PDB file of N, CA and C in Angstrom:
ATOM      1  N   MET A   1     -11.195  25.982  17.335  1.00  0.00           N
ATOM      2  CA  MET A   1     -10.147  26.774  17.933  1.00  0.00           C
ATOM      3  C   MET A   1      -9.495  27.687  16.881  1.00  0.00           C
ATOM      4  N   PHE A   2      -9.281  27.128  15.685  1.00  0.00           N
ATOM      5  CA  PHE A   2      -8.663  27.942  14.646  1.00  0.00           C
ATOM      6  C   PHE A   2      -9.588  29.072  14.202  1.00  0.00           C
ATOM      7  N   PHE A   3     -10.896  28.832  14.235  1.00  0.00           N
ATOM      8  CA  PHE A   3     -11.835  29.903  13.899  1.00  0.00           C
ATOM      9  C   PHE A   3     -11.647  31.080  14.854  1.00  0.00           C
ATOM     10  N   GLY A   4     -11.525  30.798  16.148  1.00  0.00           N
ATOM     11  CA  GLY A   4     -11.315  31.855  17.135  1.00  0.00           C
ATOM     12  C   GLY A   4     -10.031  32.623  16.883  1.00  0.00           C
ATOM     13  N   LEU A   5      -8.968  31.903  16.571  1.00  0.00           N
ATOM     14  CA  LEU A   5      -7.691  32.553  16.263  1.00  0.00           C
ATOM     15  C   LEU A   5      -7.822  33.438  15.034  1.00  0.00           C
ATOM     16  N   SER A   6      -8.472  32.934  13.997  1.00  0.00           N
ATOM     17  CA  SER A   6      -8.653  33.711  12.768  1.00  0.00           C
ATOM     18  C   SER A   6      -9.489  34.957  13.026  1.00  0.00           C
ATOM     19  N   PHE A   7     -10.538  34.808  13.824  1.00  0.00           N
ATOM     20  CA  PHE A   7     -11.394  35.945  14.158  1.00  0.00           C
ATOM     21  C   PHE A   7     -10.611  37.004  14.937  1.00  0.00           C
ATOM     22  N   ILE A   8      -9.856  36.567  15.923  1.00  0.00           N
ATOM     23  CA  ILE A   8      -9.089  37.516  16.740  1.00  0.00           C
ATOM     24  C   ILE A   8      -8.016  38.206  15.902  1.00  0.00           C
ATOM     25  N   ALA A   9      -7.304  37.433  15.083  1.00  0.00           N
ATOM     26  CA  ALA A   9      -6.254  38.032  14.241  1.00  0.00           C
ATOM     27  C   ALA A   9      -6.868  39.014  13.250  1.00  0.00           C
ATOM     28  N   GLY A  10      -7.930  38.603  12.574  1.00  0.00           N
ATOM     29  CA  GLY A  10      -8.563  39.483  11.597  1.00  0.00           C
ATOM     30  C   GLY A  10      -9.103  40.754  12.220  1.00  0.00           C
ATOM     31  N   THR A  11      -9.706  40.621  13.378  1.00  0.00           N
ATOM     32  CA  THR A  11     -10.284  41.781  14.055  1.00  0.00           C
ATOM     33  C   THR A  11      -9.210  42.687  14.647  1.00  0.00           C
ATOM     34  N   CYS A  12      -8.295  42.113  15.389  1.00  0.00           N
ATOM     35  CA  CYS A  12      -7.292  42.929  16.085  1.00  0.00           C
ATOM     36  C   CYS A  12      -6.283  43.566  15.136  1.00  0.00           C
ATOM     37  N   GLU A  13      -5.841  42.828  14.123  1.00  0.00           N
ATOM     38  CA  GLU A  13      -4.898  43.422  13.170  1.00  0.00           C
ATOM     39  C   GLU A  13      -5.550  44.555  12.382  1.00  0.00           C
ATOM     40  N   GLU A  14      -6.823  44.413  12.057  1.00  0.00           N
ATOM     41  CA  GLU A  14      -7.508  45.502  11.347  1.00  0.00           C
ATOM     42  C   GLU A  14      -7.704  46.711  12.258  1.00  0.00           C
ATOM     43  N   LEU A  15      -8.052  46.468  13.511  1.00  0.00           N
ATOM     44  CA  LEU A  15      -8.161  47.590  14.451  1.00  0.00           C
ATOM     45  C   LEU A  15      -6.824  48.308  14.605  1.00  0.00           C
ATOM     46  N   ALA A  16      -5.736  47.532  14.696  1.00  0.00           N
ATOM     47  CA  ALA A  16      -4.417  48.126  14.904  1.00  0.00           C
ATOM     48  C   ALA A  16      -3.877  48.822  13.660  1.00  0.00           C
ATOM     49  N   TYR A  17      -3.924  48.135  12.517  1.00  0.00           N
ATOM     50  CA  TYR A  17      -3.250  48.666  11.329  1.00  0.00           C
ATOM     51  C   TYR A  17      -4.120  49.572  10.481  1.00  0.00           C
ATOM     52  N   ARG A  18      -5.407  49.316  10.393  1.00  0.00           N
ATOM     53  CA  ARG A  18      -6.277  50.205   9.628  1.00  0.00           C
ATOM     54  C   ARG A  18      -6.981  51.192  10.556  1.00  0.00           C
ATOM     55  N   GLY A  19      -7.544  50.713  11.627  1.00  0.00           N
ATOM     56  CA  GLY A  19      -8.295  51.587  12.524  1.00  0.00           C
ATOM     57  C   GLY A  19      -7.436  52.581  13.276  1.00  0.00           C
ATOM     58  N   PHE A  20      -6.278  52.154  13.763  1.00  0.00           N
ATOM     59  CA  PHE A  20      -5.414  53.057  14.525  1.00  0.00           C
ATOM     60  C   PHE A  20      -4.297  53.634  13.670  1.00  0.00           C
ATOM     61  N   ALA A  21      -3.388  52.769  13.193  1.00  0.00           N
ATOM     62  CA  ALA A  21      -2.185  53.256  12.504  1.00  0.00           C
ATOM     63  C   ALA A  21      -2.519  54.081  11.265  1.00  0.00           C
ATOM     64  N   MET A  22      -3.422  53.586  10.456  1.00  0.00           N
ATOM     65  CA  MET A  22      -3.743  54.307   9.227  1.00  0.00           C
ATOM     66  C   MET A  22      -4.391  55.656   9.527  1.00  0.00           C
ATOM     67  N   MET A  23      -5.287  55.688  10.506  1.00  0.00           N
ATOM     68  CA  MET A  23      -5.933  56.958  10.849  1.00  0.00           C
ATOM     69  C   MET A  23      -4.943  57.929  11.508  1.00  0.00           C
ATOM     70  N   TRP A  24      -4.035  57.393  12.321  1.00  0.00           N
ATOM     71  CA  TRP A  24      -3.011  58.232  12.945  1.00  0.00           C
ATOM     72  C   TRP A  24      -2.090  58.808  11.875  1.00  0.00           C
ATOM     73  N   LEU A  25      -1.674  57.966  10.931  1.00  0.00           N
ATOM     74  CA  LEU A  25      -0.808  58.437   9.844  1.00  0.00           C
ATOM     75  C   LEU A  25      -1.526  59.427   8.938  1.00  0.00           C
ATOM     76  N   LEU A  26      -2.810  59.239   8.745  1.00  0.00           N
ATOM     77  CA  LEU A  26      -3.588  60.200   7.958  1.00  0.00           C
ATOM     78  C   LEU A  26      -3.599  61.560   8.642  1.00  0.00           C
ATOM     79  N   ALA A  27      -3.817  61.565   9.952  1.00  0.00           N
ATOM     80  CA  ALA A  27      -3.798  62.822  10.704  1.00  0.00           C
ATOM     81  C   ALA A  27      -2.409  63.446  10.699  1.00  0.00           C
ATOM     82  N   LEU A  28      -1.387  62.606  10.781  1.00  0.00           N
ATOM     83  CA  LEU A  28      -0.005  63.088  10.825  1.00  0.00           C
ATOM     84  C   LEU A  28       0.451  63.651   9.483  1.00  0.00           C
ATOM     85  N   THR A  29       0.153  62.933   8.400  1.00  0.00           N
ATOM     86  CA  THR A  29       0.660  63.323   7.078  1.00  0.00           C
ATOM     87  C   THR A  29      -0.334  64.158   6.277  1.00  0.00           C
ATOM     88  N   GLY A  30      -1.616  64.021   6.580  1.00  0.00           N
ATOM     89  CA  GLY A  30      -2.631  64.704   5.785  1.00  0.00           C
ATOM     90  C   GLY A  30      -2.870  64.041   4.443  1.00  0.00           C
ATOM     91  N   SER A  31      -2.286  62.869   4.225  1.00  0.00           N
ATOM     92  CA  SER A  31      -2.400  62.177   2.949  1.00  0.00           C
ATOM     93  C   SER A  31      -2.923  60.761   3.151  1.00  0.00           C
ATOM     94  N   ALA A  32      -4.064  60.475   2.516  1.00  0.00           N
ATOM     95  CA  ALA A  32      -4.624  59.130   2.606  1.00  0.00           C
ATOM     96  C   ALA A  32      -3.701  58.112   1.931  1.00  0.00           C
ATOM     97  N   VAL A  33      -3.074  58.500   0.835  1.00  0.00           N
ATOM     98  CA  VAL A  33      -2.166  57.588   0.124  1.00  0.00           C
ATOM     99  C   VAL A  33      -0.954  57.258   0.980  1.00  0.00           C
ATOM    100  N   ALA A  34      -0.350  58.268   1.599  1.00  0.00           N
ATOM    101  CA  ALA A  34       0.812  58.036   2.469  1.00  0.00           C
ATOM    102  C   ALA A  34       0.418  57.156   3.654  1.00  0.00           C
ATOM    103  N   ALA A  35      -0.717  57.445   4.251  1.00  0.00           N
ATOM    104  CA  ALA A  35      -1.186  56.648   5.393  1.00  0.00           C
ATOM    105  C   ALA A  35      -1.427  55.201   4.980  1.00  0.00           C
ATOM    106  N   LEU A  36      -2.030  55.008   3.820  1.00  0.00           N
ATOM    107  CA  LEU A  36      -2.297  53.672   3.301  1.00  0.00           C
ATOM    108  C   LEU A  36      -1.006  52.906   3.059  1.00  0.00           C
ATOM    109  N   LEU A  37      -0.059  53.535   2.380  1.00  0.00           N
ATOM    110  CA  LEU A  37       1.194  52.858   2.040  1.00  0.00           C
ATOM    111  C   LEU A  37       2.072  52.594   3.263  1.00  0.00           C
ATOM    112  N   LEU A  38       2.164  53.543   4.167  1.00  0.00           N
ATOM    113  CA  LEU A  38       2.996  53.357   5.359  1.00  0.00           C
ATOM    114  C   LEU A  38       2.419  52.298   6.297  1.00  0.00           C
ATOM    115  N   SER A  39       1.121  52.336   6.513  1.00  0.00           N
ATOM    116  CA  SER A  39       0.518  51.331   7.399  1.00  0.00           C
ATOM    117  C   SER A  39       0.574  49.943   6.757  1.00  0.00           C
ATOM    118  N   SER A  40       0.451  49.877   5.444  1.00  0.00           N
ATOM    119  CA  SER A  40       0.545  48.595   4.746  1.00  0.00           C
ATOM    120  C   SER A  40       1.957  48.034   4.794  1.00  0.00           C
ATOM    121  N   ALA A  41       2.952  48.905   4.691  1.00  0.00           N
ATOM    122  CA  ALA A  41       4.343  48.465   4.807  1.00  0.00           C
ATOM    123  C   ALA A  41       4.618  47.925   6.206  1.00  0.00           C
ATOM    124  N   ALA A  42       4.115  48.609   7.221  1.00  0.00           N
ATOM    125  CA  ALA A  42       4.285  48.128   8.598  1.00  0.00           C
ATOM    126  C   ALA A  42       3.589  46.790   8.790  1.00  0.00           C
ATOM    127  N   PHE A  43       2.405  46.641   8.220  1.00  0.00           N
ATOM    128  CA  PHE A  43       1.655  45.388   8.289  1.00  0.00           C
ATOM    129  C   PHE A  43       2.449  44.265   7.627  1.00  0.00           C
ATOM    130  N   GLY A  44       3.038  44.564   6.483  1.00  0.00           N
ATOM    131  CA  GLY A  44       3.859  43.572   5.789  1.00  0.00           C
ATOM    132  C   GLY A  44       5.070  43.165   6.605  1.00  0.00           C
ATOM    133  N   LEU A  45       5.739  44.130   7.203  1.00  0.00           N
ATOM    134  CA  LEU A  45       6.930  43.832   8.015  1.00  0.00           C
ATOM    135  C   LEU A  45       6.582  42.998   9.237  1.00  0.00           C
ATOM    136  N   LEU A  46       5.359  43.159   9.755  1.00  0.00           N
ATOM    137  CA  LEU A  46       4.905  42.336  10.873  1.00  0.00           C
ATOM    138  C   LEU A  46       4.913  40.859  10.494  1.00  0.00           C
ATOM    139  N   HIS A  47       4.767  40.579   9.214  1.00  0.00           N
ATOM    140  CA  HIS A  47       4.720  39.205   8.722  1.00  0.00           C
ATOM    141  C   HIS A  47       6.051  38.757   8.124  1.00  0.00           C
ATOM    142  N   ALA A  48       7.151  39.322   8.609  1.00  0.00           N
ATOM    143  CA  ALA A  48       8.486  38.983   8.099  1.00  0.00           C
ATOM    144  C   ALA A  48       8.823  37.504   8.293  1.00  0.00           C
ATOM    145  N   TYR A  49       8.202  36.861   9.248  1.00  0.00           N
ATOM    146  CA  TYR A  49       8.443  35.437   9.463  1.00  0.00           C
ATOM    147  C   TYR A  49       8.031  34.610   8.243  1.00  0.00           C
ATOM    148  N   GLN A  50       7.248  35.194   7.338  1.00  0.00           N
ATOM    149  CA  GLN A  50       6.832  34.504   6.119  1.00  0.00           C
ATOM    150  C   GLN A  50       7.840  34.673   4.986  1.00  0.00           C
ATOM    151  N   GLY A  51       8.934  35.370   5.259  1.00  0.00           N
ATOM    152  CA  GLY A  51       9.947  35.590   4.237  1.00  0.00           C
ATOM    153  C   GLY A  51       9.641  36.826   3.405  1.00  0.00           C
ATOM    154  N   VAL A  52      10.524  37.109   2.458  1.00  0.00           N
ATOM    155  CA  VAL A  52      10.399  38.309   1.631  1.00  0.00           C
ATOM    156  C   VAL A  52       9.103  38.295   0.828  1.00  0.00           C
ATOM    157  N   SER A  53       8.770  37.152   0.251  1.00  0.00           N
ATOM    158  CA  SER A  53       7.526  37.087  -0.533  1.00  0.00           C
ATOM    159  C   SER A  53       6.309  37.281   0.371  1.00  0.00           C
ATOM    160  N   GLY A  54       6.379  36.801   1.612  1.00  0.00           N
ATOM    161  CA  GLY A  54       5.286  37.012   2.560  1.00  0.00           C
ATOM    162  C   GLY A  54       5.129  38.470   2.929  1.00  0.00           C
ATOM    163  N   ILE A  55       6.238  39.171   3.081  1.00  0.00           N
ATOM    164  CA  ILE A  55       6.181  40.616   3.373  1.00  0.00           C
ATOM    165  C   ILE A  55       5.499  41.337   2.213  1.00  0.00           C
ATOM    166  N   PHE A  56       5.900  40.990   0.994  1.00  0.00           N
ATOM    167  CA  PHE A  56       5.317  41.630  -0.188  1.00  0.00           C
ATOM    168  C   PHE A  56       3.822  41.335  -0.291  1.00  0.00           C
ATOM    169  N   ARG A  57       3.443  40.055  -0.176  1.00  0.00           N
ATOM    170  CA  ARG A  57       2.031  39.678  -0.288  1.00  0.00           C
ATOM    171  C   ARG A  57       1.190  40.334   0.806  1.00  0.00           C
ATOM    172  N   THR A  58       1.709  40.343   2.026  1.00  0.00           N
ATOM    173  CA  THR A  58       0.953  40.905   3.140  1.00  0.00           C
ATOM    174  C   THR A  58       0.854  42.425   3.029  1.00  0.00           C
ATOM    175  N   SER A  59       1.893  43.069   2.540  1.00  0.00           N
ATOM    176  CA  SER A  59       1.819  44.516   2.303  1.00  0.00           C
ATOM    177  C   SER A  59       0.767  44.832   1.251  1.00  0.00           C
ATOM    178  N   LEU A  60       0.744  44.029   0.194  1.00  0.00           N
ATOM    179  CA  LEU A  60      -0.261  44.215  -0.855  1.00  0.00           C
ATOM    180  C   LEU A  60      -1.669  43.994  -0.296  1.00  0.00           C
ATOM    181  N   LEU A  61      -1.826  42.979   0.537  1.00  0.00           N
ATOM    182  CA  LEU A  61      -3.109  42.748   1.191  1.00  0.00           C
ATOM    183  C   LEU A  61      -3.484  43.950   2.057  1.00  0.00           C
ATOM    184  N   GLY A  62      -2.500  44.535   2.742  1.00  0.00           N
ATOM    185  CA  GLY A  62      -2.758  45.724   3.550  1.00  0.00           C
ATOM    186  C   GLY A  62      -3.293  46.879   2.716  1.00  0.00           C
ATOM    187  N   VAL A  63      -2.763  47.030   1.495  1.00  0.00           N
ATOM    188  CA  VAL A  63      -3.261  48.079   0.600  1.00  0.00           C
ATOM    189  C   VAL A  63      -4.723  47.810   0.235  1.00  0.00           C
ATOM    190  N   VAL A  64      -5.033  46.553  -0.082  1.00  0.00           N
ATOM    191  CA  VAL A  64      -6.415  46.204  -0.437  1.00  0.00           C
ATOM    192  C   VAL A  64      -7.359  46.441   0.745  1.00  0.00           C
ATOM    193  N   LEU A  65      -6.971  45.964   1.921  1.00  0.00           N
ATOM    194  CA  LEU A  65      -7.822  46.130   3.102  1.00  0.00           C
ATOM    195  C   LEU A  65      -7.939  47.602   3.499  1.00  0.00           C
ATOM    196  N   GLY A  66      -6.845  48.334   3.402  1.00  0.00           N
ATOM    197  CA  GLY A  66      -6.880  49.768   3.717  1.00  0.00           C
ATOM    198  C   GLY A  66      -7.725  50.553   2.729  1.00  0.00           C
ATOM    199  N   THR A  67      -7.685  50.141   1.462  1.00  0.00           N
ATOM    200  CA  THR A  67      -8.512  50.803   0.457  1.00  0.00           C
ATOM    201  C   THR A  67      -9.989  50.601   0.779  1.00  0.00           C
ATOM    202  N   SER A  68     -10.335  49.421   1.283  1.00  0.00           N
ATOM    203  CA  SER A  68     -11.740  49.194   1.645  1.00  0.00           C
ATOM    204  C   SER A  68     -12.176  50.157   2.742  1.00  0.00           C
ATOM    205  N   LEU A  69     -11.296  50.456   3.675  1.00  0.00           N
ATOM    206  CA  LEU A  69     -11.615  51.427   4.720  1.00  0.00           C
ATOM    207  C   LEU A  69     -11.848  52.810   4.113  1.00  0.00           C
ATOM    208  N   LEU A  70     -10.987  53.199   3.181  1.00  0.00           N
ATOM    209  CA  LEU A  70     -11.135  54.514   2.555  1.00  0.00           C
ATOM    210  C   LEU A  70     -12.400  54.597   1.707  1.00  0.00           C
ATOM    211  N   VAL A  71     -12.747  53.520   1.026  1.00  0.00           N
ATOM    212  CA  VAL A  71     -13.917  53.524   0.150  1.00  0.00           C
ATOM    213  C   VAL A  71     -15.215  53.487   0.945  1.00  0.00           C
ATOM    214  N   TRP A  72     -15.307  52.576   1.925  1.00  0.00           N
ATOM    215  CA  TRP A  72     -16.560  52.387   2.652  1.00  0.00           C
ATOM    216  C   TRP A  72     -16.620  53.124   3.982  1.00  0.00           C
ATOM    217  N   GLY A  73     -15.491  53.619   4.469  1.00  0.00           N
ATOM    218  CA  GLY A  73     -15.502  54.349   5.729  1.00  0.00           C
ATOM    219  C   GLY A  73     -15.798  53.479   6.933  1.00  0.00           C
ATOM    220  N   SER A  74     -15.529  52.187   6.816  1.00  0.00           N
ATOM    221  CA  SER A  74     -15.809  51.247   7.893  1.00  0.00           C
ATOM    222  C   SER A  74     -14.725  50.179   7.929  1.00  0.00           C
ATOM    223  N   LEU A  75     -14.422  49.705   9.134  1.00  0.00           N
ATOM    224  CA  LEU A  75     -13.478  48.602   9.291  1.00  0.00           C
ATOM    225  C   LEU A  75     -14.114  47.236   9.064  1.00  0.00           C
ATOM    226  N   TRP A  76     -15.438  47.161   9.092  1.00  0.00           N
ATOM    227  CA  TRP A  76     -16.118  45.872   8.990  1.00  0.00           C
ATOM    228  C   TRP A  76     -15.747  45.078   7.740  1.00  0.00           C
ATOM    229  N   PRO A  77     -15.746  45.674   6.549  1.00  0.00           N
ATOM    230  CA  PRO A  77     -15.372  44.879   5.372  1.00  0.00           C
ATOM    231  C   PRO A  77     -13.951  44.300   5.479  1.00  0.00           C
ATOM    232  N   ALA A  78     -13.016  45.082   5.990  1.00  0.00           N
ATOM    233  CA  ALA A  78     -11.640  44.605   6.137  1.00  0.00           C
ATOM    234  C   ALA A  78     -11.551  43.510   7.194  1.00  0.00           C
ATOM    235  N   MET A  79     -12.265  43.659   8.304  1.00  0.00           N
ATOM    236  CA  MET A  79     -12.245  42.633   9.351  1.00  0.00           C
ATOM    237  C   MET A  79     -12.830  41.322   8.845  1.00  0.00           C
ATOM    238  N   ILE A  80     -13.932  41.413   8.129  1.00  0.00           N
ATOM    239  CA  ILE A  80     -14.565  40.201   7.595  1.00  0.00           C
ATOM    240  C   ILE A  80     -13.662  39.536   6.563  1.00  0.00           C
ATOM    241  N   ALA A  81     -13.115  40.325   5.652  1.00  0.00           N
ATOM    242  CA  ALA A  81     -12.232  39.770   4.616  1.00  0.00           C
ATOM    243  C   ALA A  81     -10.978  39.160   5.219  1.00  0.00           C
ATOM    244  N   HIS A  82     -10.380  39.832   6.190  1.00  0.00           N
ATOM    245  CA  HIS A  82      -9.162  39.344   6.826  1.00  0.00           C
ATOM    246  C   HIS A  82      -9.431  38.029   7.558  1.00  0.00           C
ATOM    247  N   THR A  83     -10.516  37.969   8.300  1.00  0.00           N
ATOM    248  CA  THR A  83     -10.882  36.741   9.010  1.00  0.00           C
ATOM    249  C   THR A  83     -11.139  35.601   8.030  1.00  0.00           C
ATOM    250  N   ALA A  84     -11.876  35.891   6.970  1.00  0.00           N
ATOM    251  CA  ALA A  84     -12.177  34.863   5.965  1.00  0.00           C
ATOM    252  C   ALA A  84     -10.904  34.371   5.284  1.00  0.00           C
ATOM    253  N   LEU A  85     -10.001  35.271   4.984  1.00  0.00           N
ATOM    254  CA  LEU A  85      -8.741  34.883   4.350  1.00  0.00           C
ATOM    255  C   LEU A  85      -7.902  34.018   5.282  1.00  0.00           C
ATOM    256  N   ASP A  86      -7.839  34.382   6.549  1.00  0.00           N
ATOM    257  CA  ASP A  86      -7.102  33.559   7.513  1.00  0.00           C
ATOM    258  C   ASP A  86      -7.721  32.167   7.639  1.00  0.00           C
ATOM    259  N   LEU A  87      -9.048  32.111   7.664  1.00  0.00           N
ATOM    260  CA  LEU A  87      -9.729  30.812   7.732  1.00  0.00           C
ATOM    261  C   LEU A  87      -9.439  29.984   6.486  1.00  0.00           C
ATOM    262  N   LEU A  88      -9.514  30.606   5.326  1.00  0.00           N
ATOM    263  CA  LEU A  88      -9.233  29.908   4.075  1.00  0.00           C
ATOM    264  C   LEU A  88      -7.806  29.369   4.073  1.00  0.00           C
ATOM    265  N   ALA A  89      -6.876  30.212   4.429  1.00  0.00           N
ATOM    266  CA  ALA A  89      -5.471  29.800   4.430  1.00  0.00           C
ATOM    267  C   ALA A  89      -5.223  28.680   5.436  1.00  0.00           C
ATOM    268  N   GLY A  90      -5.823  28.775   6.590  1.00  0.00           N
ATOM    269  CA  GLY A  90      -5.560  27.794   7.629  1.00  0.00           C
ATOM    270  C   GLY A  90      -6.299  26.485   7.492  1.00  0.00           C
ATOM    271  N   LEU A  91      -7.521  26.542   7.017  1.00  0.00           N
ATOM    272  CA  LEU A  91      -8.337  25.332   6.961  1.00  0.00           C
ATOM    273  C   LEU A  91      -8.332  24.654   5.593  1.00  0.00           C
ATOM    274  N   VAL A  92      -8.343  25.438   4.540  1.00  0.00           N
ATOM    275  CA  VAL A  92      -8.449  24.873   3.198  1.00  0.00           C
ATOM    276  C   VAL A  92      -7.084  24.681   2.550  1.00  0.00           C
ATOM    277  N   LEU A  93      -6.210  25.644   2.726  1.00  0.00           N
ATOM    278  CA  LEU A  93      -4.929  25.608   2.024  1.00  0.00           C
ATOM    279  C   LEU A  93      -3.764  25.115   2.871  1.00  0.00           C
ATOM    280  N   ALA A  94      -4.009  24.722   4.110  1.00  0.00           N
ATOM    281  CA  ALA A  94      -2.920  24.362   5.025  1.00  0.00           C
ATOM    282  C   ALA A  94      -2.005  23.286   4.453  1.00  0.00           C
ATOM    283  N   ASP A  95      -2.575  22.222   3.920  1.00  0.00           N
ATOM    284  CA  ASP A  95      -1.749  21.144   3.376  1.00  0.00           C
ATOM    285  C   ASP A  95      -0.878  21.636   2.235  1.00  0.00           C
ATOM    286  N   HIS A  96      -1.441  22.458   1.377  1.00  0.00           N
ATOM    287  CA  HIS A  96      -0.681  22.985   0.241  1.00  0.00           C
ATOM    288  C   HIS A  96       0.389  23.973   0.704  1.00  0.00           C
ATOM    289  N   LEU A  97       0.041  24.822   1.643  1.00  0.00           N
ATOM    290  CA  LEU A  97       0.974  25.857   2.102  1.00  0.00           C
ATOM    291  C   LEU A  97       2.141  25.260   2.891  1.00  0.00           C
ATOM    292  N   LEU A  98       1.859  24.264   3.714  1.00  0.00           N
ATOM    293  CA  LEU A  98       2.912  23.677   4.539  1.00  0.00           C
ATOM    294  C   LEU A  98       3.739  22.660   3.773  1.00  0.00           C
ATOM    295  N   GLY A  99       3.129  21.952   2.853  1.00  0.00           N
ATOM    296  CA  GLY A  99       3.839  20.924   2.105  1.00  0.00           C
ATOM    297  C   GLY A  99       3.989  19.654   2.930  1.00  0.00           C
ATOM    298  N   PRO A 100       4.192  18.543   2.254  1.00  0.00           N
ATOM    299  CA  PRO A 100       4.266  17.242   2.951  1.00  0.00           C
ATOM    300  C   PRO A 100       5.457  17.133   3.918  1.00  0.00           C
ATOM    301  N   GLU A 101       6.546  17.813   3.629  1.00  0.00           N
ATOM    302  CA  GLU A 101       7.711  17.703   4.516  1.00  0.00           C
ATOM    303  C   GLU A 101       7.465  18.321   5.893  1.00  0.00           C
ATOM    304  N   ARG A 102       6.562  19.270   5.979  1.00  0.00           N
ATOM    305  CA  ARG A 102       6.277  19.912   7.268  1.00  0.00           C
ATOM    306  C   ARG A 102       5.129  19.223   7.984  1.00  0.00           C
ATOM    307  N   LEU A 103       4.388  18.383   7.299  1.00  0.00           N
ATOM    308  CA  LEU A 103       3.261  17.694   7.903  1.00  0.00           C
ATOM    309  C   LEU A 103       3.616  16.290   8.369  1.00  0.00           C
ATOM    310  N   GLY A 104       4.828  15.843   8.075  1.00  0.00           N
ATOM    311  CA  GLY A 104       5.248  14.519   8.490  1.00  0.00           C
ATOM    312  C   GLY A 104       4.789  13.417   7.569  1.00  0.00           C
ATOM    313  N   ASP A 105       4.335  13.753   6.364  1.00  0.00           N
ATOM    314  CA  ASP A 105       3.889  12.739   5.398  1.00  0.00           C
ATOM    315  C   ASP A 105       5.071  12.118   4.664  1.00  0.00           C
TER     316      ASP A 105
END
């Protein structure tokens, strides 16, 4: 079930923030850098529930994923990386990220 969630989040967020927002901002501003930074900031703010450090980390991730779109001209690398990162965070790092107090240990 978590694999499906990770796949949907990785695919849909990349379509929305890199495929749509970044391309729309590129057309609007004429600047790939502005489009990259603005869409990454919006992506980071979407993750405000993770706190200030989560906004910063997610914005930085948005820059990395958006750069892959600019370099390769495809959303596939970003979708694959985003899905893999979500899977890693959820399946491998969950205990560390949540801590024992949130797991009932």
